[in-house]
Amino acid sequence: MELGLYTFGDVGTNPVTGETVDAAQRLRNLMEEIELADQVGLDVFGLGEHHRPNYAISSPATVLAGAARSTKNIKLSSAVTVLSSDDPIRVYQQFATLDNLTGGRAEIMVGRGSFIESFPLFGYDLDDYNELFEEKLQMLLAINAQERLNWPGSTHTPKVEGLGVYPRPAQDKLPIWVAAGGTPQSMVRAGALGAPLALAIIGGQPRRFAPLADLYRKAAAQTGHAEQARVSLNVHGFVGEDGKKAADLFFPAQKQVMDQLGRERGWPPQSRAQYDESMSPEGAMFVGSPAQLVDKILGLREDLGFDRVTIQMAIGVIEHSEMLKAIEVLGTKVAPELRKAG
């Protein structure tokens, strides 16, 4: 089983120390975090794309390229690329370039995005939210399939007649994961396309997603893509040698971020009791000691059938030194136990 991390590069004020971390500092810290994740043997590091003042990453490929030459083995991925408001040709070229820089370690994770700022920013109409993603995803997959693109064009993509898209990646094809939040339609689409599925679980009970994962695999099998079917869980969490200390450290920053989202989307503030409950074996929060994380991941694996877990540990502003400690524990204590389990 693969284990990795993802982040959006949060900036702002540490709710515990009062320290302010700006984009420049966060990106410097992030380079150290990715390098350490590589050194301790984690499998993948993903960077998400946002266009808001509280995040430092609007161009994942650019930041990943910064880590390309100082890492050796770790896969570098977006998490996610908001394909609906981007150009599939340019996305492909950016990650093919990254793939060549890393000797074949680049991946793309595409999705609609959880925020909408990129749509008006780049001149897109939110009424076209679904159609933009569908058409651009098909175009991106066509670019990945062969060197010369023959694309008939669509409402939101141009016609391209036999033109090459360069550079080609070091790998035969770029891994293109489709990120989904859990609708049946998203599961069927990813399965029918033969794309690996990144399943975002940031609330509720993870085991309830089992029918959706099964639906994905069924759609893949029915369209001849059973062998390509893979599932990754993208979750929130934190790890430390002492599970209670890890929970206490993670809670303030995590609450700050989730409460801000709640004010925007009509959720009530998060209580500590709710947070503690979400850390239970059936909850969505992957927080605790190495043994707690291993038990929780393996306990859910039988029902959900995943072979990768990526954890967003850097939610909000957390002390950089504490983040480095957590990455080391994840790589040296959690990852080996998951690999032993197969």
C-alpha atoms as a PDB file:
ATOM      1  CA  MET A   1       0.000   0.000   0.000  1.00  0.00           C
ATOM      2  CA  GLU A   2       1.201   3.509  -0.823  1.00  0.00           C
ATOM      3  CA  LEU A   3       1.203   6.304   1.752  1.00  0.00           C
ATOM      4  CA  GLY A   4       1.715   9.992   1.160  1.00  0.00           C
ATOM      5  CA  LEU A   5       0.839  13.572   1.972  1.00  0.00           C
ATOM      6  CA  TYR A   6      -0.936  16.477   0.341  1.00  0.00           C
ATOM      7  CA  THR A   7      -1.379  20.128   1.194  1.00  0.00           C
ATOM      8  CA  PHE A   8      -2.681  23.408  -0.219  1.00  0.00           C
ATOM      9  CA  GLY A   9       0.130  25.469   1.293  1.00  0.00           C
ATOM     10  CA  ASP A  10      -1.900  27.272   3.959  1.00  0.00           C
ATOM     11  CA  VAL A  11      -0.716  30.707   5.035  1.00  0.00           C
ATOM     12  CA  GLY A  12      -1.877  32.981   7.829  1.00  0.00           C
ATOM     13  CA  THR A  13      -1.612  33.089  11.609  1.00  0.00           C
ATOM     14  CA  ASN A  14      -0.728  30.163  13.835  1.00  0.00           C
ATOM     15  CA  PRO A  15      -3.688  29.975  16.262  1.00  0.00           C
ATOM     16  CA  VAL A  16      -1.417  28.797  19.094  1.00  0.00           C
ATOM     17  CA  THR A  17       1.726  30.935  18.780  1.00  0.00           C
ATOM     18  CA  GLY A  18       0.340  33.943  16.910  1.00  0.00           C
ATOM     19  CA  GLU A  19       3.139  33.654  14.344  1.00  0.00           C
ATOM     20  CA  THR A  20       2.243  34.823  10.837  1.00  0.00           C
ATOM     21  CA  VAL A  21       3.439  32.695   7.931  1.00  0.00           C
ATOM     22  CA  ASP A  22       3.393  34.325   4.494  1.00  0.00           C
ATOM     23  CA  ALA A  23       3.565  32.655   1.073  1.00  0.00           C
ATOM     24  CA  ALA A  24       7.358  32.938   0.780  1.00  0.00           C
ATOM     25  CA  GLN A  25       7.948  31.303   4.152  1.00  0.00           C
ATOM     26  CA  ARG A  26       5.368  28.606   3.560  1.00  0.00           C
ATOM     27  CA  LEU A  27       6.920  27.647   0.232  1.00  0.00           C
ATOM     28  CA  ARG A  28      10.392  27.462   1.774  1.00  0.00           C
ATOM     29  CA  ASN A  29       9.053  25.246   4.536  1.00  0.00           C
ATOM     30  CA  LEU A  30       7.215  23.140   1.993  1.00  0.00           C
ATOM     31  CA  MET A  31      10.416  22.347   0.106  1.00  0.00           C
ATOM     32  CA  GLU A  32      11.889  20.957   3.332  1.00  0.00           C
ATOM     33  CA  GLU A  33       8.747  18.933   3.991  1.00  0.00           C
ATOM     34  CA  ILE A  34       8.752  17.332   0.546  1.00  0.00           C
ATOM     35  CA  GLU A  35      12.475  16.572   0.788  1.00  0.00           C
ATOM     36  CA  LEU A  36      12.001  14.919   4.182  1.00  0.00           C
ATOM     37  CA  ALA A  37       9.004  12.938   2.936  1.00  0.00           C
ATOM     38  CA  ASP A  38      11.241  11.579   0.194  1.00  0.00           C
ATOM     39  CA  GLN A  39      14.071  10.775   2.591  1.00  0.00           C
ATOM     40  CA  VAL A  40      11.839   8.823   5.015  1.00  0.00           C
ATOM     41  CA  GLY A  41      10.317   6.769   2.208  1.00  0.00           C
ATOM     42  CA  LEU A  42       6.831   8.149   1.682  1.00  0.00           C
ATOM     43  CA  ASP A  43       5.410   7.299  -1.728  1.00  0.00           C
ATOM     44  CA  VAL A  44       3.703  10.468  -2.944  1.00  0.00           C
ATOM     45  CA  PHE A  45       3.383  14.187  -2.175  1.00  0.00           C
ATOM     46  CA  GLY A  46       0.488  16.143  -3.660  1.00  0.00           C
ATOM     47  CA  LEU A  47      -0.110  19.888  -3.888  1.00  0.00           C
ATOM     48  CA  GLY A  48      -3.546  21.398  -4.346  1.00  0.00           C
ATOM     49  CA  GLU A  49      -4.498  24.430  -6.403  1.00  0.00           C
ATOM     50  CA  HIS A  50      -6.358  27.336  -4.836  1.00  0.00           C
ATOM     51  CA  HIS A  51      -6.783  30.995  -5.726  1.00  0.00           C
ATOM     52  CA  ARG A  52      -7.509  32.442  -2.288  1.00  0.00           C
ATOM     53  CA  PRO A  53      -5.454  34.683   0.015  1.00  0.00           C
ATOM     54  CA  ASN A  54      -5.012  31.970   2.657  1.00  0.00           C
ATOM     55  CA  TYR A  55      -3.163  29.574   0.327  1.00  0.00           C
ATOM     56  CA  ALA A  56       0.303  29.856  -1.241  1.00  0.00           C
ATOM     57  CA  ILE A  57      -0.201  27.417  -4.117  1.00  0.00           C
ATOM     58  CA  SER A  58      -2.048  28.449  -7.262  1.00  0.00           C
ATOM     59  CA  SER A  59       0.316  26.612  -9.643  1.00  0.00           C
ATOM     60  CA  PRO A  60       1.090  23.102  -8.296  1.00  0.00           C
ATOM     61  CA  ALA A  61       3.404  22.149 -11.175  1.00  0.00           C
ATOM     62  CA  THR A  62       5.631  25.164 -10.494  1.00  0.00           C
ATOM     63  CA  VAL A  63       6.023  24.321  -6.815  1.00  0.00           C
ATOM     64  CA  LEU A  64       6.541  20.630  -7.506  1.00  0.00           C
ATOM     65  CA  ALA A  65       9.278  21.524  -9.975  1.00  0.00           C
ATOM     66  CA  GLY A  66      10.999  23.289  -7.089  1.00  0.00           C
ATOM     67  CA  ALA A  67      11.206  19.950  -5.282  1.00  0.00           C
ATOM     68  CA  ALA A  68      12.052  17.904  -8.352  1.00  0.00           C
ATOM     69  CA  ARG A  69      15.837  18.169  -8.185  1.00  0.00           C
ATOM     70  CA  SER A  70      16.144  17.699  -4.411  1.00  0.00           C
ATOM     71  CA  THR A  71      14.093  14.484  -4.288  1.00  0.00           C
ATOM     72  CA  LYS A  72      14.913  11.052  -5.658  1.00  0.00           C
ATOM     73  CA  ASN A  73      12.048   8.600  -5.306  1.00  0.00           C
ATOM     74  CA  ILE A  74       8.814  10.242  -4.187  1.00  0.00           C
ATOM     75  CA  LYS A  75       6.015  10.730  -6.720  1.00  0.00           C
ATOM     76  CA  LEU A  76       4.999  14.370  -7.178  1.00  0.00           C
ATOM     77  CA  SER A  77       1.358  15.080  -7.937  1.00  0.00           C
ATOM     78  CA  SER A  78      -1.211  17.817  -8.044  1.00  0.00           C
ATOM     79  CA  ALA A  79      -4.011  17.413  -5.523  1.00  0.00           C
ATOM     80  CA  VAL A  80      -5.933  18.741  -7.373  1.00  0.00           C
ATOM     81  CA  THR A  81      -5.501  20.557 -10.675  1.00  0.00           C
ATOM     82  CA  VAL A  82      -8.741  22.470 -11.272  1.00  0.00           C
ATOM     83  CA  LEU A  83      -9.035  21.320 -14.859  1.00  0.00           C
ATOM     84  CA  SER A  84     -12.378  23.034 -15.468  1.00  0.00           C
ATOM     85  CA  SER A  85     -10.733  26.471 -15.464  1.00  0.00           C
ATOM     86  CA  ASP A  86      -7.436  25.483 -17.056  1.00  0.00           C
ATOM     87  CA  ASP A  87      -6.110  24.542 -20.494  1.00  0.00           C
ATOM     88  CA  PRO A  88      -5.661  20.757 -20.886  1.00  0.00           C
ATOM     89  CA  ILE A  89      -2.745  21.211 -23.301  1.00  0.00           C
ATOM     90  CA  ARG A  90      -0.848  23.477 -20.915  1.00  0.00           C
ATOM     91  CA  VAL A  91      -1.613  21.226 -17.938  1.00  0.00           C
ATOM     92  CA  TYR A  92      -0.227  18.268 -19.843  1.00  0.00           C
ATOM     93  CA  GLN A  93       2.892  20.149 -20.925  1.00  0.00           C
ATOM     94  CA  GLN A  94       3.598  21.348 -17.381  1.00  0.00           C
ATOM     95  CA  PHE A  95       3.377  17.880 -15.875  1.00  0.00           C
ATOM     96  CA  ALA A  96       5.207  16.223 -18.762  1.00  0.00           C
ATOM     97  CA  THR A  97       8.007  18.714 -18.113  1.00  0.00           C
ATOM     98  CA  LEU A  98       7.911  17.819 -14.421  1.00  0.00           C
ATOM     99  CA  ASP A  99       7.999  14.147 -15.361  1.00  0.00           C
ATOM    100  CA  ASN A 100      11.177  14.646 -17.343  1.00  0.00           C
ATOM    101  CA  LEU A 101      12.773  16.643 -14.536  1.00  0.00           C
ATOM    102  CA  THR A 102      12.058  13.826 -12.078  1.00  0.00           C
ATOM    103  CA  GLY A 103      12.805  10.860 -14.309  1.00  0.00           C
ATOM    104  CA  GLY A 104       9.202   9.678 -14.381  1.00  0.00           C
ATOM    105  CA  ARG A 105       7.764  10.638 -10.980  1.00  0.00           C
ATOM    106  CA  ALA A 106       4.996  13.071 -11.991  1.00  0.00           C
ATOM    107  CA  GLU A 107       1.262  12.498 -11.661  1.00  0.00           C
ATOM    108  CA  ILE A 108      -1.807  14.635 -12.268  1.00  0.00           C
ATOM    109  CA  MET A 109      -4.884  14.592 -10.088  1.00  0.00           C
ATOM    110  CA  VAL A 110      -7.745  16.458 -11.730  1.00  0.00           C
ATOM    111  CA  GLY A 111     -11.022  17.647 -10.267  1.00  0.00           C
ATOM    112  CA  ARG A 112     -13.665  20.327 -10.373  1.00  0.00           C
ATOM    113  CA  GLY A 113     -12.231  22.035  -7.299  1.00  0.00           C
ATOM    114  CA  SER A 114     -13.848  22.756  -3.950  1.00  0.00           C
ATOM    115  CA  PHE A 115     -13.716  26.548  -4.426  1.00  0.00           C
ATOM    116  CA  ILE A 116     -14.993  28.621  -7.322  1.00  0.00           C
ATOM    117  CA  GLU A 117     -12.579  31.599  -7.501  1.00  0.00           C
ATOM    118  CA  SER A 118     -10.728  30.268 -10.540  1.00  0.00           C
ATOM    119  CA  PHE A 119     -13.846  30.373 -12.727  1.00  0.00           C
ATOM    120  CA  PRO A 120     -14.407  34.158 -12.817  1.00  0.00           C
ATOM    121  CA  LEU A 121     -10.652  34.733 -12.512  1.00  0.00           C
ATOM    122  CA  PHE A 122     -10.024  32.988 -15.829  1.00  0.00           C
ATOM    123  CA  GLY A 123     -13.233  34.035 -17.527  1.00  0.00           C
ATOM    124  CA  TYR A 124     -15.416  30.924 -17.129  1.00  0.00           C
ATOM    125  CA  ASP A 125     -19.112  30.757 -16.352  1.00  0.00           C
ATOM    126  CA  LEU A 126     -20.114  28.727 -13.300  1.00  0.00           C
ATOM    127  CA  ASP A 127     -23.225  27.624 -15.180  1.00  0.00           C
ATOM    128  CA  ASP A 128     -20.837  25.508 -17.275  1.00  0.00           C
ATOM    129  CA  TYR A 129     -19.304  23.858 -14.180  1.00  0.00           C
ATOM    130  CA  ASN A 130     -20.002  20.235 -15.177  1.00  0.00           C
ATOM    131  CA  GLU A 131     -19.576  20.569 -18.930  1.00  0.00           C
ATOM    132  CA  LEU A 132     -16.184  22.275 -18.574  1.00  0.00           C
ATOM    133  CA  PHE A 133     -14.792  19.398 -16.553  1.00  0.00           C
ATOM    134  CA  GLU A 134     -16.248  16.654 -18.730  1.00  0.00           C
ATOM    135  CA  GLU A 135     -14.958  18.100 -22.004  1.00  0.00           C
ATOM    136  CA  LYS A 136     -11.529  19.102 -20.722  1.00  0.00           C
ATOM    137  CA  LEU A 137     -10.967  15.756 -19.033  1.00  0.00           C
ATOM    138  CA  GLN A 138     -11.686  13.954 -22.290  1.00  0.00           C
ATOM    139  CA  MET A 139      -9.246  16.237 -24.086  1.00  0.00           C
ATOM    140  CA  LEU A 140      -6.525  15.708 -21.472  1.00  0.00           C
ATOM    141  CA  LEU A 141      -6.892  11.941 -21.756  1.00  0.00           C
ATOM    142  CA  ALA A 142      -6.682  12.194 -25.556  1.00  0.00           C
ATOM    143  CA  ILE A 143      -3.428  14.182 -25.278  1.00  0.00           C
ATOM    144  CA  ASN A 144      -2.036  11.532 -22.942  1.00  0.00           C
ATOM    145  CA  ALA A 145      -3.013   8.706 -25.293  1.00  0.00           C
ATOM    146  CA  GLN A 146      -0.879   9.713 -28.261  1.00  0.00           C
ATOM    147  CA  GLU A 147       1.694  12.245 -29.394  1.00  0.00           C
ATOM    148  CA  ARG A 148      -0.316  13.911 -32.148  1.00  0.00           C
ATOM    149  CA  LEU A 149      -3.652  15.251 -31.047  1.00  0.00           C
ATOM    150  CA  ASN A 150      -6.714  14.918 -33.233  1.00  0.00           C
ATOM    151  CA  TRP A 151      -9.489  16.594 -31.298  1.00  0.00           C
ATOM    152  CA  PRO A 152     -12.836  17.510 -32.864  1.00  0.00           C
ATOM    153  CA  GLY A 153     -13.374  20.447 -30.547  1.00  0.00           C
ATOM    154  CA  SER A 154     -16.321  21.065 -28.264  1.00  0.00           C
ATOM    155  CA  THR A 155     -18.191  23.918 -26.692  1.00  0.00           C
ATOM    156  CA  HIS A 156     -15.305  24.633 -24.335  1.00  0.00           C
ATOM    157  CA  THR A 157     -12.252  23.236 -26.170  1.00  0.00           C
ATOM    158  CA  PRO A 158     -10.692  24.127 -29.549  1.00  0.00           C
ATOM    159  CA  LYS A 159     -10.429  21.878 -32.566  1.00  0.00           C
ATOM    160  CA  VAL A 160      -6.914  20.453 -33.030  1.00  0.00           C
ATOM    161  CA  GLU A 161      -5.974  18.585 -36.196  1.00  0.00           C
ATOM    162  CA  GLY A 162      -2.925  16.320 -35.942  1.00  0.00           C
ATOM    163  CA  LEU A 163      -0.670  18.634 -33.939  1.00  0.00           C
ATOM    164  CA  GLY A 164       1.964  17.321 -31.545  1.00  0.00           C
ATOM    165  CA  VAL A 165       1.868  18.172 -27.835  1.00  0.00           C
ATOM    166  CA  TYR A 166       5.366  18.404 -26.366  1.00  0.00           C
ATOM    167  CA  PRO A 167       7.331  17.473 -24.408  1.00  0.00           C
ATOM    168  CA  ARG A 168       6.177  13.906 -23.985  1.00  0.00           C
ATOM    169  CA  PRO A 169       6.703  12.534 -20.470  1.00  0.00           C
ATOM    170  CA  ALA A 170       9.493  10.233 -19.358  1.00  0.00           C
ATOM    171  CA  GLN A 171       6.828   7.669 -18.527  1.00  0.00           C
ATOM    172  CA  ASP A 172       4.905   6.062 -21.355  1.00  0.00           C
ATOM    173  CA  LYS A 173       1.832   7.931 -20.116  1.00  0.00           C
ATOM    174  CA  LEU A 174       1.230  10.297 -17.236  1.00  0.00           C
ATOM    175  CA  PRO A 175      -0.862   8.819 -14.420  1.00  0.00           C
ATOM    176  CA  ILE A 176      -4.047  10.919 -14.395  1.00  0.00           C
ATOM    177  CA  TRP A 177      -6.151  10.446 -11.258  1.00  0.00           C
ATOM    178  CA  VAL A 178      -9.728  11.702 -11.110  1.00  0.00           C
ATOM    179  CA  ALA A 179     -10.630  13.241  -7.754  1.00  0.00           C
ATOM    180  CA  ALA A 180     -14.216  12.916  -6.559  1.00  0.00           C
ATOM    181  CA  GLY A 181     -16.134  13.820  -3.445  1.00  0.00           C
ATOM    182  CA  GLY A 182     -18.517  10.901  -3.507  1.00  0.00           C
ATOM    183  CA  THR A 183     -21.352  11.208  -6.044  1.00  0.00           C
ATOM    184  CA  PRO A 184     -22.379   8.058  -7.948  1.00  0.00           C
ATOM    185  CA  GLN A 185     -21.980   9.882 -11.266  1.00  0.00           C
ATOM    186  CA  SER A 186     -18.334  10.689 -10.453  1.00  0.00           C
ATOM    187  CA  MET A 187     -17.635   7.059  -9.588  1.00  0.00           C
ATOM    188  CA  VAL A 188     -19.118   5.775 -12.838  1.00  0.00           C
ATOM    189  CA  ARG A 189     -17.277   8.359 -14.952  1.00  0.00           C
ATOM    190  CA  ALA A 190     -13.872   7.594 -13.444  1.00  0.00           C
ATOM    191  CA  GLY A 191     -14.401   3.849 -13.760  1.00  0.00           C
ATOM    192  CA  ALA A 192     -15.643   4.042 -17.342  1.00  0.00           C
ATOM    193  CA  LEU A 193     -12.611   6.127 -18.314  1.00  0.00           C
ATOM    194  CA  GLY A 194     -10.221   3.637 -16.750  1.00  0.00           C
ATOM    195  CA  ALA A 195      -8.783   6.383 -14.543  1.00  0.00           C
ATOM    196  CA  PRO A 196      -7.575   5.790 -10.992  1.00  0.00           C
ATOM    197  CA  LEU A 197      -9.920   7.319  -8.407  1.00  0.00           C
ATOM    198  CA  ALA A 198      -8.899   9.723  -5.638  1.00  0.00           C
ATOM    199  CA  LEU A 199     -11.747   9.621  -3.136  1.00  0.00           C
ATOM    200  CA  ALA A 200     -11.897  12.653  -0.847  1.00  0.00           C
ATOM    201  CA  ILE A 201     -13.236  11.782   2.609  1.00  0.00           C
ATOM    202  CA  ILE A 202     -13.168  14.746   4.984  1.00  0.00           C
ATOM    203  CA  GLY A 203     -16.351  14.104   6.945  1.00  0.00           C
ATOM    204  CA  GLY A 204     -18.860  11.464   7.936  1.00  0.00           C
ATOM    205  CA  GLN A 205     -17.974   7.801   8.195  1.00  0.00           C
ATOM    206  CA  PRO A 206     -15.447   6.485   5.643  1.00  0.00           C
ATOM    207  CA  ARG A 207     -16.983   3.029   5.588  1.00  0.00           C
ATOM    208  CA  ARG A 208     -20.141   4.518   4.071  1.00  0.00           C
ATOM    209  CA  PHE A 209     -18.115   5.213   0.920  1.00  0.00           C
ATOM    210  CA  ALA A 210     -17.699   1.467   0.284  1.00  0.00           C
ATOM    211  CA  PRO A 211     -20.712   1.210  -2.093  1.00  0.00           C
ATOM    212  CA  LEU A 212     -19.318   4.110  -4.116  1.00  0.00           C
ATOM    213  CA  ALA A 213     -15.898   2.462  -4.399  1.00  0.00           C
ATOM    214  CA  ASP A 214     -17.653  -0.727  -5.487  1.00  0.00           C
ATOM    215  CA  LEU A 215     -19.623   1.236  -8.081  1.00  0.00           C
ATOM    216  CA  TYR A 216     -16.353   2.646  -9.436  1.00  0.00           C
ATOM    217  CA  ARG A 217     -14.810  -0.809  -9.752  1.00  0.00           C
ATOM    218  CA  LYS A 218     -17.973  -2.197 -11.351  1.00  0.00           C
ATOM    219  CA  ALA A 219     -17.975   0.583 -13.970  1.00  0.00           C
ATOM    220  CA  ALA A 220     -14.289  -0.072 -14.668  1.00  0.00           C
ATOM    221  CA  ALA A 221     -14.897  -3.803 -15.112  1.00  0.00           C
ATOM    222  CA  GLN A 222     -17.892  -3.292 -17.402  1.00  0.00           C
ATOM    223  CA  THR A 223     -15.837  -1.080 -19.717  1.00  0.00           C
ATOM    224  CA  GLY A 224     -12.774  -3.331 -19.803  1.00  0.00           C
ATOM    225  CA  HIS A 225     -10.689  -1.307 -17.348  1.00  0.00           C
ATOM    226  CA  ALA A 226     -10.671  -3.624 -14.332  1.00  0.00           C
ATOM    227  CA  GLU A 227      -6.885  -3.893 -14.327  1.00  0.00           C
ATOM    228  CA  GLN A 228      -6.492  -0.096 -14.285  1.00  0.00           C
ATOM    229  CA  ALA A 229      -8.876   0.424 -11.347  1.00  0.00           C
ATOM    230  CA  ARG A 230      -7.150   1.935  -8.304  1.00  0.00           C
ATOM    231  CA  VAL A 231      -8.556   3.797  -5.326  1.00  0.00           C
ATOM    232  CA  SER A 232      -6.798   6.363  -3.136  1.00  0.00           C
ATOM    233  CA  LEU A 233      -8.266   7.864   0.028  1.00  0.00           C
ATOM    234  CA  ASN A 234      -7.532  11.566   0.501  1.00  0.00           C
ATOM    235  CA  VAL A 235      -8.127  12.369   4.177  1.00  0.00           C
ATOM    236  CA  HIS A 236      -7.344  14.790   6.984  1.00  0.00           C
ATOM    237  CA  GLY A 237      -5.024  13.641   9.742  1.00  0.00           C
ATOM    238  CA  PHE A 238      -1.908  13.951  11.850  1.00  0.00           C
ATOM    239  CA  VAL A 239       0.465  11.557  13.583  1.00  0.00           C
ATOM    240  CA  GLY A 240       2.813  11.646  16.527  1.00  0.00           C
ATOM    241  CA  GLU A 241       4.561   9.226  18.835  1.00  0.00           C
ATOM    242  CA  ASP A 242       1.945  10.114  21.458  1.00  0.00           C
ATOM    243  CA  GLY A 243      -1.578  10.004  20.042  1.00  0.00           C
ATOM    244  CA  LYS A 244      -3.103  12.509  22.487  1.00  0.00           C
ATOM    245  CA  LYS A 245      -0.329  15.028  21.942  1.00  0.00           C
ATOM    246  CA  ALA A 246      -0.775  14.662  18.184  1.00  0.00           C
ATOM    247  CA  ALA A 247      -4.506  15.308  18.520  1.00  0.00           C
ATOM    248  CA  ASP A 248      -3.939  18.342  20.746  1.00  0.00           C
ATOM    249  CA  LEU A 249      -1.383  19.794  18.339  1.00  0.00           C
ATOM    250  CA  PHE A 250      -3.500  19.320  15.213  1.00  0.00           C
ATOM    251  CA  PHE A 251      -6.846  20.522  16.587  1.00  0.00           C
ATOM    252  CA  PRO A 252      -6.385  24.339  16.773  1.00  0.00           C
ATOM    253  CA  ALA A 253      -5.242  24.792  13.164  1.00  0.00           C
ATOM    254  CA  GLN A 254      -7.709  22.239  11.818  1.00  0.00           C
ATOM    255  CA  LYS A 255     -10.577  23.894  13.693  1.00  0.00           C
ATOM    256  CA  GLN A 256      -9.558  27.345  12.481  1.00  0.00           C
ATOM    257  CA  VAL A 257      -9.728  26.238   8.845  1.00  0.00           C
ATOM    258  CA  MET A 258     -12.920  24.191   9.150  1.00  0.00           C
ATOM    259  CA  ASP A 259     -14.694  26.954  11.064  1.00  0.00           C
ATOM    260  CA  GLN A 260     -13.796  29.467   8.353  1.00  0.00           C
ATOM    261  CA  LEU A 261     -15.230  27.115   5.729  1.00  0.00           C
ATOM    262  CA  GLY A 262     -18.247  26.653   7.944  1.00  0.00           C
ATOM    263  CA  ARG A 263     -18.914  30.379   8.028  1.00  0.00           C
ATOM    264  CA  GLU A 264     -18.845  30.428   4.224  1.00  0.00           C
ATOM    265  CA  ARG A 265     -20.982  27.329   3.754  1.00  0.00           C
ATOM    266  CA  GLY A 266     -23.354  27.416   6.697  1.00  0.00           C
ATOM    267  CA  TRP A 267     -21.772  24.779   8.949  1.00  0.00           C
ATOM    268  CA  PRO A 268     -21.705  25.243  12.737  1.00  0.00           C
ATOM    269  CA  PRO A 269     -18.339  25.662  14.484  1.00  0.00           C
ATOM    270  CA  GLN A 270     -16.485  22.460  15.262  1.00  0.00           C
ATOM    271  CA  SER A 271     -16.349  21.372  18.907  1.00  0.00           C
ATOM    272  CA  ARG A 272     -13.552  19.395  20.516  1.00  0.00           C
ATOM    273  CA  ALA A 273     -16.037  16.623  21.267  1.00  0.00           C
ATOM    274  CA  GLN A 274     -16.885  16.347  17.550  1.00  0.00           C
ATOM    275  CA  TYR A 275     -13.199  16.319  16.692  1.00  0.00           C
ATOM    276  CA  ASP A 276     -12.481  13.570  19.222  1.00  0.00           C
ATOM    277  CA  GLU A 277     -15.381  11.497  17.912  1.00  0.00           C
ATOM    278  CA  SER A 278     -14.078  11.824  14.348  1.00  0.00           C
ATOM    279  CA  MET A 279     -10.816  10.190  15.456  1.00  0.00           C
ATOM    280  CA  SER A 280     -12.617   6.967  16.348  1.00  0.00           C
ATOM    281  CA  PRO A 281     -12.127   3.890  14.113  1.00  0.00           C
ATOM    282  CA  GLU A 282     -15.314   4.819  12.253  1.00  0.00           C
ATOM    283  CA  GLY A 283     -14.607   8.551  11.987  1.00  0.00           C
ATOM    284  CA  ALA A 284     -13.132  10.561   9.113  1.00  0.00           C
ATOM    285  CA  MET A 285     -10.141  12.018  10.979  1.00  0.00           C
ATOM    286  CA  PHE A 286      -6.895  10.022  10.742  1.00  0.00           C
ATOM    287  CA  VAL A 287      -5.228  11.402  13.864  1.00  0.00           C
ATOM    288  CA  GLY A 288      -3.234   9.600  16.519  1.00  0.00           C
ATOM    289  CA  SER A 289      -0.207   7.454  17.215  1.00  0.00           C
ATOM    290  CA  PRO A 290       1.420   5.275  14.548  1.00  0.00           C
ATOM    291  CA  ALA A 291      -0.428   2.216  15.868  1.00  0.00           C
ATOM    292  CA  GLN A 292      -3.757   4.066  15.805  1.00  0.00           C
ATOM    293  CA  LEU A 293      -3.277   5.150  12.190  1.00  0.00           C
ATOM    294  CA  VAL A 294      -2.163   1.709  11.050  1.00  0.00           C
ATOM    295  CA  ASP A 295      -5.128   0.025  12.758  1.00  0.00           C
ATOM    296  CA  LYS A 296      -7.589   2.525  11.309  1.00  0.00           C
ATOM    297  CA  ILE A 297      -6.249   2.318   7.752  1.00  0.00           C
ATOM    298  CA  LEU A 298      -6.100  -1.461   7.712  1.00  0.00           C
ATOM    299  CA  GLY A 299      -9.490  -1.709   9.384  1.00  0.00           C
ATOM    300  CA  LEU A 300     -11.098   0.301   6.580  1.00  0.00           C
ATOM    301  CA  ARG A 301      -9.144  -1.259   3.747  1.00  0.00           C
ATOM    302  CA  GLU A 302     -11.157  -4.478   3.540  1.00  0.00           C
ATOM    303  CA  ASP A 303     -14.417  -2.599   2.922  1.00  0.00           C
ATOM    304  CA  LEU A 304     -13.097   0.198   0.702  1.00  0.00           C
ATOM    305  CA  GLY A 305     -10.442  -1.704  -1.241  1.00  0.00           C
ATOM    306  CA  PHE A 306      -7.962   1.180  -1.533  1.00  0.00           C
ATOM    307  CA  ASP A 307      -4.249   0.819  -2.216  1.00  0.00           C
ATOM    308  CA  ARG A 308      -3.139   4.402  -1.452  1.00  0.00           C
ATOM    309  CA  VAL A 309      -3.793   6.835   1.383  1.00  0.00           C
ATOM    310  CA  THR A 310      -2.748  10.487   1.266  1.00  0.00           C
ATOM    311  CA  ILE A 311      -3.130  12.605   4.379  1.00  0.00           C
ATOM    312  CA  GLN A 312      -3.515  16.367   4.632  1.00  0.00           C
ATOM    313  CA  MET A 313      -1.509  17.020   7.795  1.00  0.00           C
ATOM    314  CA  ALA A 314      -0.688  20.646   6.983  1.00  0.00           C
ATOM    315  CA  ILE A 315      -4.151  22.134   7.510  1.00  0.00           C
ATOM    316  CA  GLY A 316      -3.930  25.757   8.575  1.00  0.00           C
ATOM    317  CA  VAL A 317      -0.685  27.013  10.090  1.00  0.00           C
ATOM    318  CA  ILE A 318       1.143  24.452  12.216  1.00  0.00           C
ATOM    319  CA  GLU A 319       4.635  24.894  13.630  1.00  0.00           C
ATOM    320  CA  HIS A 320       7.094  23.812  10.919  1.00  0.00           C
ATOM    321  CA  SER A 321       9.261  21.846  13.338  1.00  0.00           C
ATOM    322  CA  GLU A 322       6.228  19.864  14.471  1.00  0.00           C
ATOM    323  CA  MET A 323       5.277  19.143  10.872  1.00  0.00           C
ATOM    324  CA  LEU A 324       8.740  17.757  10.190  1.00  0.00           C
ATOM    325  CA  LYS A 325       8.483  15.485  13.241  1.00  0.00           C
ATOM    326  CA  ALA A 326       5.111  14.198  12.054  1.00  0.00           C
ATOM    327  CA  ILE A 327       6.425  13.498   8.539  1.00  0.00           C
ATOM    328  CA  GLU A 328       9.323  11.523   9.986  1.00  0.00           C
ATOM    329  CA  VAL A 329       6.984   9.439  12.152  1.00  0.00           C
ATOM    330  CA  LEU A 330       4.648   8.821   9.224  1.00  0.00           C
ATOM    331  CA  GLY A 331       7.485   7.625   7.025  1.00  0.00           C
ATOM    332  CA  THR A 332       9.416   5.569   9.566  1.00  0.00           C
ATOM    333  CA  LYS A 333       6.642   4.152  11.770  1.00  0.00           C
ATOM    334  CA  VAL A 334       3.391   4.060   9.784  1.00  0.00           C
ATOM    335  CA  ALA A 335       4.483   3.379   6.186  1.00  0.00           C
ATOM    336  CA  PRO A 336       6.548   0.245   6.992  1.00  0.00           C
ATOM    337  CA  GLU A 337       3.656  -1.359   8.857  1.00  0.00           C
ATOM    338  CA  LEU A 338       1.263  -0.710   5.980  1.00  0.00           C
ATOM    339  CA  ARG A 339       3.728  -2.199   3.515  1.00  0.00           C
ATOM    340  CA  LYS A 340       4.045  -5.320   5.637  1.00  0.00           C
ATOM    341  CA  ALA A 341       0.291  -5.745   5.364  1.00  0.00           C
ATOM    342  CA  GLY A 342       0.589  -5.742   1.556  1.00  0.00           C
END
